[in-house]
Amino acid sequence: MESLQAYARYHFAYEESWARDRGMPQAALDQHARRHQAFADRIQAMAEQDSREEGQGHALHRFLANWLLEHIVKDDQEMVHRLLNPGGAKA
């Protein structure tokens, strides 16, 4: 779990810096960063639970799968599209 938390911190900092450097409006960047923080908070809460608790592995798997679908596939792709195609139509 520690390596997941460390990678998430690294990745989120890089992604937010990348978006800021490319002109993402501050309000949108703040909203995106709040989503990242919610992920980090959830992973921290899961890490603090007893790892032997029945179903914890399944709960983590379900959470990560939902995150991949909702945040990476939707939010991140939309952010990249907007930054690379300002004023352009959504793909």
PDB file of N, CA and C in Angstrom:
ATOM      1  N   MET A   1       0.838  -1.195   0.000  1.00  0.00           N
ATOM      2  CA  MET A   1       0.000   0.000   0.000  1.00  0.00           C
ATOM      3  C   MET A   1       0.875   1.249   0.000  1.00  0.00           C
ATOM      4  N   GLU A   2       2.022   1.172   0.680  1.00  0.00           N
ATOM      5  CA  GLU A   2       2.905   2.338   0.729  1.00  0.00           C
ATOM      6  C   GLU A   2       3.403   2.732  -0.651  1.00  0.00           C
ATOM      7  N   SER A   3       3.726   1.744  -1.478  1.00  0.00           N
ATOM      8  CA  SER A   3       4.219   2.065  -2.817  1.00  0.00           C
ATOM      9  C   SER A   3       3.109   2.685  -3.676  1.00  0.00           C
ATOM     10  N   LEU A   4       1.880   2.251  -3.486  1.00  0.00           N
ATOM     11  CA  LEU A   4       0.750   2.857  -4.190  1.00  0.00           C
ATOM     12  C   LEU A   4       0.587   4.313  -3.766  1.00  0.00           C
ATOM     13  N   GLN A   5       0.682   4.568  -2.470  1.00  0.00           N
ATOM     14  CA  GLN A   5       0.555   5.935  -1.967  1.00  0.00           C
ATOM     15  C   GLN A   5       1.689   6.822  -2.492  1.00  0.00           C
ATOM     16  N   ALA A   6       2.905   6.311  -2.484  1.00  0.00           N
ATOM     17  CA  ALA A   6       4.054   7.089  -2.962  1.00  0.00           C
ATOM     18  C   ALA A   6       3.914   7.392  -4.455  1.00  0.00           C
ATOM     19  N   TYR A   7       3.519   6.387  -5.220  1.00  0.00           N
ATOM     20  CA  TYR A   7       3.362   6.625  -6.657  1.00  0.00           C
ATOM     21  C   TYR A   7       2.242   7.623  -6.927  1.00  0.00           C
ATOM     22  N   ALA A   8       1.153   7.529  -6.208  1.00  0.00           N
ATOM     23  CA  ALA A   8       0.035   8.462  -6.406  1.00  0.00           C
ATOM     24  C   ALA A   8       0.488   9.891  -6.123  1.00  0.00           C
ATOM     25  N   ARG A   9       1.229  10.106  -5.033  1.00  0.00           N
ATOM     26  CA  ARG A   9       1.738  11.456  -4.728  1.00  0.00           C
ATOM     27  C   ARG A   9       2.606  11.975  -5.856  1.00  0.00           C
ATOM     28  N   TYR A  10       3.537  11.147  -6.319  1.00  0.00           N
ATOM     29  CA  TYR A  10       4.429  11.527  -7.416  1.00  0.00           C
ATOM     30  C   TYR A  10       3.625  11.850  -8.675  1.00  0.00           C
ATOM     31  N   HIS A  11       2.754  10.952  -9.056  1.00  0.00           N
ATOM     32  CA  HIS A  11       1.986  11.109 -10.290  1.00  0.00           C
ATOM     33  C   HIS A  11       1.085  12.343 -10.232  1.00  0.00           C
ATOM     34  N   PHE A  12       0.375  12.527  -9.142  1.00  0.00           N
ATOM     35  CA  PHE A  12      -0.544  13.665  -9.034  1.00  0.00           C
ATOM     36  C   PHE A  12       0.214  14.991  -9.071  1.00  0.00           C
ATOM     37  N   ALA A  13       1.358  15.058  -8.399  1.00  0.00           N
ATOM     38  CA  ALA A  13       2.154  16.291  -8.421  1.00  0.00           C
ATOM     39  C   ALA A  13       2.631  16.587  -9.843  1.00  0.00           C
ATOM     40  N   TYR A  14       3.096  15.557 -10.535  1.00  0.00           N
ATOM     41  CA  TYR A  14       3.556  15.736 -11.912  1.00  0.00           C
ATOM     42  C   TYR A  14       2.401  16.182 -12.814  1.00  0.00           C
ATOM     43  N   GLU A  15       1.277  15.502 -12.713  1.00  0.00           N
ATOM     44  CA  GLU A  15       0.126  15.813 -13.566  1.00  0.00           C
ATOM     45  C   GLU A  15      -0.382  17.233 -13.317  1.00  0.00           C
ATOM     46  N   GLU A  16      -0.473  17.632 -12.074  1.00  0.00           N
ATOM     47  CA  GLU A  16      -0.958  18.972 -11.754  1.00  0.00           C
ATOM     48  C   GLU A  16       0.031  20.035 -12.245  1.00  0.00           C
ATOM     49  N   SER A  17       1.318  19.767 -12.123  1.00  0.00           N
ATOM     50  CA  SER A  17       2.333  20.688 -12.629  1.00  0.00           C
ATOM     51  C   SER A  17       2.247  20.791 -14.150  1.00  0.00           C
ATOM     52  N   TRP A  18       2.089  19.661 -14.813  1.00  0.00           N
ATOM     53  CA  TRP A  18       1.952  19.624 -16.270  1.00  0.00           C
ATOM     54  C   TRP A  18       0.758  20.460 -16.712  1.00  0.00           C
ATOM     55  N   ALA A  19      -0.372  20.287 -16.060  1.00  0.00           N
ATOM     56  CA  ALA A  19      -1.584  21.030 -16.412  1.00  0.00           C
ATOM     57  C   ALA A  19      -1.403  22.521 -16.149  1.00  0.00           C
ATOM     58  N   ARG A  20      -0.797  22.863 -15.029  1.00  0.00           N
ATOM     59  CA  ARG A  20      -0.553  24.275 -14.690  1.00  0.00           C
ATOM     60  C   ARG A  20       0.346  24.918 -15.739  1.00  0.00           C
ATOM     61  N   ASP A  21       1.415  24.223 -16.128  1.00  0.00           N
ATOM     62  CA  ASP A  21       2.362  24.743 -17.111  1.00  0.00           C
ATOM     63  C   ASP A  21       1.739  24.935 -18.485  1.00  0.00           C
ATOM     64  N   ARG A  22       0.681  24.228 -18.753  1.00  0.00           N
ATOM     65  CA  ARG A  22       0.016  24.325 -20.051  1.00  0.00           C
ATOM     66  C   ARG A  22      -1.207  25.233 -20.028  1.00  0.00           C
ATOM     67  N   GLY A  23      -1.393  25.934 -18.920  1.00  0.00           N
ATOM     68  CA  GLY A  23      -2.419  26.960 -18.865  1.00  0.00           C
ATOM     69  C   GLY A  23      -3.785  26.525 -18.383  1.00  0.00           C
ATOM     70  N   MET A  24      -3.861  25.429 -17.677  1.00  0.00           N
ATOM     71  CA  MET A  24      -5.151  25.017 -17.139  1.00  0.00           C
ATOM     72  C   MET A  24      -5.641  26.097 -16.173  1.00  0.00           C
ATOM     73  N   PRO A  25      -6.872  26.557 -16.327  1.00  0.00           N
ATOM     74  CA  PRO A  25      -7.393  27.580 -15.413  1.00  0.00           C
ATOM     75  C   PRO A  25      -7.315  27.107 -13.963  1.00  0.00           C
ATOM     76  N   GLN A  26      -7.006  28.025 -13.063  1.00  0.00           N
ATOM     77  CA  GLN A  26      -6.793  27.671 -11.664  1.00  0.00           C
ATOM     78  C   GLN A  26      -7.999  26.978 -11.042  1.00  0.00           C
ATOM     79  N   ALA A  27      -9.193  27.440 -11.350  1.00  0.00           N
ATOM     80  CA  ALA A  27     -10.390  26.811 -10.769  1.00  0.00           C
ATOM     81  C   ALA A  27     -10.500  25.351 -11.198  1.00  0.00           C
ATOM     82  N   ALA A  28     -10.215  25.069 -12.462  1.00  0.00           N
ATOM     83  CA  ALA A  28     -10.270  23.688 -12.959  1.00  0.00           C
ATOM     84  C   ALA A  28      -9.152  22.862 -12.346  1.00  0.00           C
ATOM     85  N   LEU A  29      -7.977  23.473 -12.216  1.00  0.00           N
ATOM     86  CA  LEU A  29      -6.856  22.774 -11.608  1.00  0.00           C
ATOM     87  C   LEU A  29      -7.151  22.440 -10.149  1.00  0.00           C
ATOM     88  N   ASP A  30      -7.739  23.389  -9.434  1.00  0.00           N
ATOM     89  CA  ASP A  30      -8.105  23.143  -8.033  1.00  0.00           C
ATOM     90  C   ASP A  30      -9.110  21.998  -7.918  1.00  0.00           C
ATOM     91  N   GLN A  31     -10.079  21.976  -8.801  1.00  0.00           N
ATOM     92  CA  GLN A  31     -11.085  20.907  -8.779  1.00  0.00           C
ATOM     93  C   GLN A  31     -10.431  19.554  -9.050  1.00  0.00           C
ATOM     94  N   HIS A  32      -9.543  19.523 -10.019  1.00  0.00           N
ATOM     95  CA  HIS A  32      -8.853  18.283 -10.358  1.00  0.00           C
ATOM     96  C   HIS A  32      -7.972  17.830  -9.179  1.00  0.00           C
ATOM     97  N   ALA A  33      -7.290  18.789  -8.549  1.00  0.00           N
ATOM     98  CA  ALA A  33      -6.438  18.463  -7.405  1.00  0.00           C
ATOM     99  C   ALA A  33      -7.269  17.927  -6.234  1.00  0.00           C
ATOM    100  N   ARG A  34      -8.479  18.444  -6.060  1.00  0.00           N
ATOM    101  CA  ARG A  34      -9.354  17.924  -4.994  1.00  0.00           C
ATOM    102  C   ARG A  34      -9.712  16.466  -5.256  1.00  0.00           C
ATOM    103  N   ARG A  35      -9.906  16.108  -6.513  1.00  0.00           N
ATOM    104  CA  ARG A  35     -10.178  14.703  -6.837  1.00  0.00           C
ATOM    105  C   ARG A  35      -8.968  13.834  -6.506  1.00  0.00           C
ATOM    106  N   HIS A  36      -7.785  14.347  -6.809  1.00  0.00           N
ATOM    107  CA  HIS A  36      -6.573  13.614  -6.460  1.00  0.00           C
ATOM    108  C   HIS A  36      -6.468  13.440  -4.942  1.00  0.00           C
ATOM    109  N   GLN A  37      -6.760  14.503  -4.201  1.00  0.00           N
ATOM    110  CA  GLN A  37      -6.677  14.429  -2.742  1.00  0.00           C
ATOM    111  C   GLN A  37      -7.691  13.438  -2.189  1.00  0.00           C
ATOM    112  N   ALA A  38      -8.870  13.386  -2.777  1.00  0.00           N
ATOM    113  CA  ALA A  38      -9.889  12.426  -2.329  1.00  0.00           C
ATOM    114  C   ALA A  38      -9.385  10.992  -2.523  1.00  0.00           C
ATOM    115  N   PHE A  39      -8.702  10.746  -3.637  1.00  0.00           N
ATOM    116  CA  PHE A  39      -8.109   9.430  -3.880  1.00  0.00           C
ATOM    117  C   PHE A  39      -7.080   9.122  -2.789  1.00  0.00           C
ATOM    118  N   ALA A  40      -6.173  10.071  -2.546  1.00  0.00           N
ATOM    119  CA  ALA A  40      -5.122   9.866  -1.544  1.00  0.00           C
ATOM    120  C   ALA A  40      -5.717   9.633  -0.161  1.00  0.00           C
ATOM    121  N   ASP A  41      -6.750  10.387   0.170  1.00  0.00           N
ATOM    122  CA  ASP A  41      -7.407  10.213   1.472  1.00  0.00           C
ATOM    123  C   ASP A  41      -8.031   8.836   1.594  1.00  0.00           C
ATOM    124  N   ARG A  42      -8.656   8.374   0.535  1.00  0.00           N
ATOM    125  CA  ARG A  42      -9.304   7.060   0.570  1.00  0.00           C
ATOM    126  C   ARG A  42      -8.281   5.939   0.710  1.00  0.00           C
ATOM    127  N   ILE A  43      -7.178   6.043  -0.032  1.00  0.00           N
ATOM    128  CA  ILE A  43      -6.132   5.031   0.057  1.00  0.00           C
ATOM    129  C   ILE A  43      -5.513   5.042   1.466  1.00  0.00           C
ATOM    130  N   GLN A  44      -5.326   6.227   2.025  1.00  0.00           N
ATOM    131  CA  GLN A  44      -4.789   6.328   3.388  1.00  0.00           C
ATOM    132  C   GLN A  44      -5.722   5.653   4.383  1.00  0.00           C
ATOM    133  N   ALA A  45      -7.012   5.903   4.246  1.00  0.00           N
ATOM    134  CA  ALA A  45      -7.982   5.280   5.150  1.00  0.00           C
ATOM    135  C   ALA A  45      -7.952   3.763   5.017  1.00  0.00           C
ATOM    136  N   MET A  46      -7.828   3.282   3.792  1.00  0.00           N
ATOM    137  CA  MET A  46      -7.776   1.840   3.581  1.00  0.00           C
ATOM    138  C   MET A  46      -6.491   1.257   4.178  1.00  0.00           C
ATOM    139  N   ALA A  47      -5.398   1.993   4.071  1.00  0.00           N
ATOM    140  CA  ALA A  47      -4.122   1.516   4.614  1.00  0.00           C
ATOM    141  C   ALA A  47      -4.171   1.426   6.132  1.00  0.00           C
ATOM    142  N   GLU A  48      -4.936   2.299   6.755  1.00  0.00           N
ATOM    143  CA  GLU A  48      -5.036   2.308   8.207  1.00  0.00           C
ATOM    144  C   GLU A  48      -5.925   1.194   8.745  1.00  0.00           C
ATOM    145  N   GLN A  49      -6.708   0.582   7.890  1.00  0.00           N
ATOM    146  CA  GLN A  49      -7.540  -0.535   8.317  1.00  0.00           C
ATOM    147  C   GLN A  49      -6.663  -1.763   8.506  1.00  0.00           C
ATOM    148  N   ASP A  50      -7.117  -2.653   9.285  1.00  0.00           N
ATOM    149  CA  ASP A  50      -6.406  -3.910   9.497  1.00  0.00           C
ATOM    150  C   ASP A  50      -6.349  -4.661   8.171  1.00  0.00           C
ATOM    151  N   SER A  51      -5.152  -4.928   7.682  1.00  0.00           N
ATOM    152  CA  SER A  51      -4.989  -5.582   6.378  1.00  0.00           C
ATOM    153  C   SER A  51      -5.559  -6.993   6.363  1.00  0.00           C
ATOM    154  N   ARG A  52      -5.800  -7.556   7.529  1.00  0.00           N
ATOM    155  CA  ARG A  52      -6.378  -8.901   7.587  1.00  0.00           C
ATOM    156  C   ARG A  52      -7.896  -8.875   7.548  1.00  0.00           C
ATOM    157  N   GLU A  53      -8.457  -7.673   7.568  1.00  0.00           N
ATOM    158  CA  GLU A  53      -9.908  -7.549   7.555  1.00  0.00           C
ATOM    159  C   GLU A  53     -10.473  -8.205   6.295  1.00  0.00           C
ATOM    160  N   GLU A  54     -11.448  -9.029   6.486  1.00  0.00           N
ATOM    161  CA  GLU A  54     -12.045  -9.750   5.367  1.00  0.00           C
ATOM    162  C   GLU A  54     -12.606  -8.775   4.335  1.00  0.00           C
ATOM    163  N   GLY A  55     -12.267  -9.005   3.083  1.00  0.00           N
ATOM    164  CA  GLY A  55     -12.808  -8.196   2.000  1.00  0.00           C
ATOM    165  C   GLY A  55     -12.014  -6.934   1.687  1.00  0.00           C
ATOM    166  N   GLN A  56     -10.940  -6.642   2.445  1.00  0.00           N
ATOM    167  CA  GLN A  56     -10.198  -5.410   2.196  1.00  0.00           C
ATOM    168  C   GLN A  56      -9.543  -5.423   0.818  1.00  0.00           C
ATOM    169  N   GLY A  57      -8.964  -6.529   0.431  1.00  0.00           N
ATOM    170  CA  GLY A  57      -8.348  -6.625  -0.897  1.00  0.00           C
ATOM    171  C   GLY A  57      -9.370  -6.409  -1.996  1.00  0.00           C
ATOM    172  N   HIS A  58     -10.535  -6.990  -1.820  1.00  0.00           N
ATOM    173  CA  HIS A  58     -11.608  -6.819  -2.799  1.00  0.00           C
ATOM    174  C   HIS A  58     -12.073  -5.359  -2.839  1.00  0.00           C
ATOM    175  N   ALA A  59     -12.183  -4.739  -1.682  1.00  0.00           N
ATOM    176  CA  ALA A  59     -12.607  -3.332  -1.625  1.00  0.00           C
ATOM    177  C   ALA A  59     -11.581  -2.434  -2.311  1.00  0.00           C
ATOM    178  N   LEU A  60     -10.292  -2.703  -2.106  1.00  0.00           N
ATOM    179  CA  LEU A  60      -9.249  -1.918  -2.763  1.00  0.00           C
ATOM    180  C   LEU A  60      -9.313  -2.115  -4.272  1.00  0.00           C
ATOM    181  N   HIS A  61      -9.466  -3.348  -4.706  1.00  0.00           N
ATOM    182  CA  HIS A  61      -9.566  -3.641  -6.138  1.00  0.00           C
ATOM    183  C   HIS A  61     -10.749  -2.902  -6.757  1.00  0.00           C
ATOM    184  N   ARG A  62     -11.875  -2.954  -6.119  1.00  0.00           N
ATOM    185  CA  ARG A  62     -13.082  -2.285  -6.621  1.00  0.00           C
ATOM    186  C   ARG A  62     -12.882  -0.763  -6.687  1.00  0.00           C
ATOM    187  N   PHE A  63     -12.279  -0.204  -5.631  1.00  0.00           N
ATOM    188  CA  PHE A  63     -12.022   1.233  -5.610  1.00  0.00           C
ATOM    189  C   PHE A  63     -11.084   1.637  -6.742  1.00  0.00           C
ATOM    190  N   LEU A  64      -9.987   0.907  -6.930  1.00  0.00           N
ATOM    191  CA  LEU A  64      -9.032   1.246  -7.985  1.00  0.00           C
ATOM    192  C   LEU A  64      -9.643   1.089  -9.373  1.00  0.00           C
ATOM    193  N   ALA A  65     -10.433   0.058  -9.574  1.00  0.00           N
ATOM    194  CA  ALA A  65     -11.087  -0.126 -10.872  1.00  0.00           C
ATOM    195  C   ALA A  65     -12.035   1.027 -11.165  1.00  0.00           C
ATOM    196  N   ASN A  66     -12.800   1.441 -10.175  1.00  0.00           N
ATOM    197  CA  ASN A  66     -13.710   2.579 -10.360  1.00  0.00           C
ATOM    198  C   ASN A  66     -12.921   3.856 -10.625  1.00  0.00           C
ATOM    199  N   TRP A  67     -11.820   4.052  -9.909  1.00  0.00           N
ATOM    200  CA  TRP A  67     -10.980   5.236 -10.110  1.00  0.00           C
ATOM    201  C   TRP A  67     -10.457   5.272 -11.546  1.00  0.00           C
ATOM    202  N   LEU A  68      -9.964   4.119 -12.017  1.00  0.00           N
ATOM    203  CA  LEU A  68      -9.451   4.068 -13.383  1.00  0.00           C
ATOM    204  C   LEU A  68     -10.516   4.455 -14.388  1.00  0.00           C
ATOM    205  N   LEU A  69     -11.701   3.940 -14.200  1.00  0.00           N
ATOM    206  CA  LEU A  69     -12.778   4.237 -15.145  1.00  0.00           C
ATOM    207  C   LEU A  69     -13.266   5.674 -15.043  1.00  0.00           C
ATOM    208  N   GLU A  70     -13.460   6.141 -13.837  1.00  0.00           N
ATOM    209  CA  GLU A  70     -14.041   7.474 -13.652  1.00  0.00           C
ATOM    210  C   GLU A  70     -13.025   8.598 -13.807  1.00  0.00           C
ATOM    211  N   HIS A  71     -11.898   8.476 -13.194  1.00  0.00           N
ATOM    212  CA  HIS A  71     -10.963   9.603 -13.182  1.00  0.00           C
ATOM    213  C   HIS A  71     -10.026   9.581 -14.383  1.00  0.00           C
ATOM    214  N   ILE A  72      -9.327   8.491 -14.576  1.00  0.00           N
ATOM    215  CA  ILE A  72      -8.322   8.463 -15.632  1.00  0.00           C
ATOM    216  C   ILE A  72      -8.971   8.473 -17.007  1.00  0.00           C
ATOM    217  N   VAL A  73      -9.912   7.599 -17.220  1.00  0.00           N
ATOM    218  CA  VAL A  73     -10.525   7.501 -18.540  1.00  0.00           C
ATOM    219  C   VAL A  73     -11.388   8.722 -18.856  1.00  0.00           C
ATOM    220  N   LYS A  74     -12.050   9.269 -17.870  1.00  0.00           N
ATOM    221  CA  LYS A  74     -12.955  10.403 -18.104  1.00  0.00           C
ATOM    222  C   LYS A  74     -12.280  11.741 -17.810  1.00  0.00           C
ATOM    223  N   ASP A  75     -11.958  11.992 -16.549  1.00  0.00           N
ATOM    224  CA  ASP A  75     -11.451  13.307 -16.134  1.00  0.00           C
ATOM    225  C   ASP A  75     -10.100  13.648 -16.759  1.00  0.00           C
ATOM    226  N   ASP A  76      -9.143  12.729 -16.680  1.00  0.00           N
ATOM    227  CA  ASP A  76      -7.815  13.021 -17.217  1.00  0.00           C
ATOM    228  C   ASP A  76      -7.843  13.190 -18.730  1.00  0.00           C
ATOM    229  N   GLN A  77      -8.577  12.331 -19.406  1.00  0.00           N
ATOM    230  CA  GLN A  77      -8.639  12.442 -20.861  1.00  0.00           C
ATOM    231  C   GLN A  77      -9.308  13.741 -21.289  1.00  0.00           C
ATOM    232  N   GLU A  78     -10.339  14.146 -20.587  1.00  0.00           N
ATOM    233  CA  GLU A  78     -10.998  15.416 -20.886  1.00  0.00           C
ATOM    234  C   GLU A  78     -10.038  16.586 -20.641  1.00  0.00           C
ATOM    235  N   MET A  79      -9.288  16.538 -19.546  1.00  0.00           N
ATOM    236  CA  MET A  79      -8.325  17.588 -19.241  1.00  0.00           C
ATOM    237  C   MET A  79      -7.280  17.686 -20.348  1.00  0.00           C
ATOM    238  N   VAL A  80      -6.710  16.581 -20.747  1.00  0.00           N
ATOM    239  CA  VAL A  80      -5.682  16.582 -21.789  1.00  0.00           C
ATOM    240  C   VAL A  80      -6.255  17.112 -23.096  1.00  0.00           C
ATOM    241  N   HIS A  81      -7.434  16.663 -23.460  1.00  0.00           N
ATOM    242  CA  HIS A  81      -8.049  17.129 -24.701  1.00  0.00           C
ATOM    243  C   HIS A  81      -8.228  18.640 -24.683  1.00  0.00           C
ATOM    244  N   ARG A  82      -8.736  19.173 -23.581  1.00  0.00           N
ATOM    245  CA  ARG A  82      -8.956  20.621 -23.476  1.00  0.00           C
ATOM    246  C   ARG A  82      -7.647  21.391 -23.534  1.00  0.00           C
ATOM    247  N   LEU A  83      -6.603  20.874 -22.895  1.00  0.00           N
ATOM    248  CA  LEU A  83      -5.333  21.579 -22.892  1.00  0.00           C
ATOM    249  C   LEU A  83      -4.631  21.531 -24.256  1.00  0.00           C
ATOM    250  N   LEU A  84      -4.783  20.425 -24.954  1.00  0.00           N
ATOM    251  CA  LEU A  84      -4.132  20.297 -26.253  1.00  0.00           C
ATOM    252  C   LEU A  84      -4.943  20.887 -27.395  1.00  0.00           C
ATOM    253  N   ASN A  85      -6.230  21.095 -27.168  1.00  0.00           N
ATOM    254  CA  ASN A  85      -7.132  21.629 -28.195  1.00  0.00           C
ATOM    255  C   ASN A  85      -7.976  22.756 -27.624  1.00  0.00           C
ATOM    256  N   PRO A  86      -7.366  23.854 -27.180  1.00  0.00           N
ATOM    257  CA  PRO A  86      -8.161  24.930 -26.589  1.00  0.00           C
ATOM    258  C   PRO A  86      -9.191  25.462 -27.585  1.00  0.00           C
ATOM    259  N   GLY A  87     -10.428  25.534 -27.126  1.00  0.00           N
ATOM    260  CA  GLY A  87     -11.503  26.032 -27.972  1.00  0.00           C
ATOM    261  C   GLY A  87     -12.000  25.023 -28.986  1.00  0.00           C
ATOM    262  N   GLY A  88     -11.384  23.852 -29.021  1.00  0.00           N
ATOM    263  CA  GLY A  88     -11.779  22.840 -29.993  1.00  0.00           C
ATOM    264  C   GLY A  88     -12.947  22.018 -29.522  1.00  0.00           C
ATOM    265  N   ALA A  89     -13.564  21.350 -30.452  1.00  0.00           N
ATOM    266  CA  ALA A  89     -14.697  20.473 -30.114  1.00  0.00           C
ATOM    267  C   ALA A  89     -14.195  19.246 -29.389  1.00  0.00           C
ATOM    268  N   LYS A  90     -15.007  18.741 -28.507  1.00  0.00           N
ATOM    269  CA  LYS A  90     -14.669  17.532 -27.749  1.00  0.00           C
ATOM    270  C   LYS A  90     -14.683  16.327 -28.681  1.00  0.00           C
ATOM    271  N   ALA A  91     -13.661  15.495 -28.575  1.00  0.00           N
ATOM    272  CA  ALA A  91     -13.528  14.306 -29.440  1.00  0.00           C
ATOM    273  C   ALA A  91     -14.558  13.267 -29.093  1.00  0.00           C
TER     274      ALA A  91
END
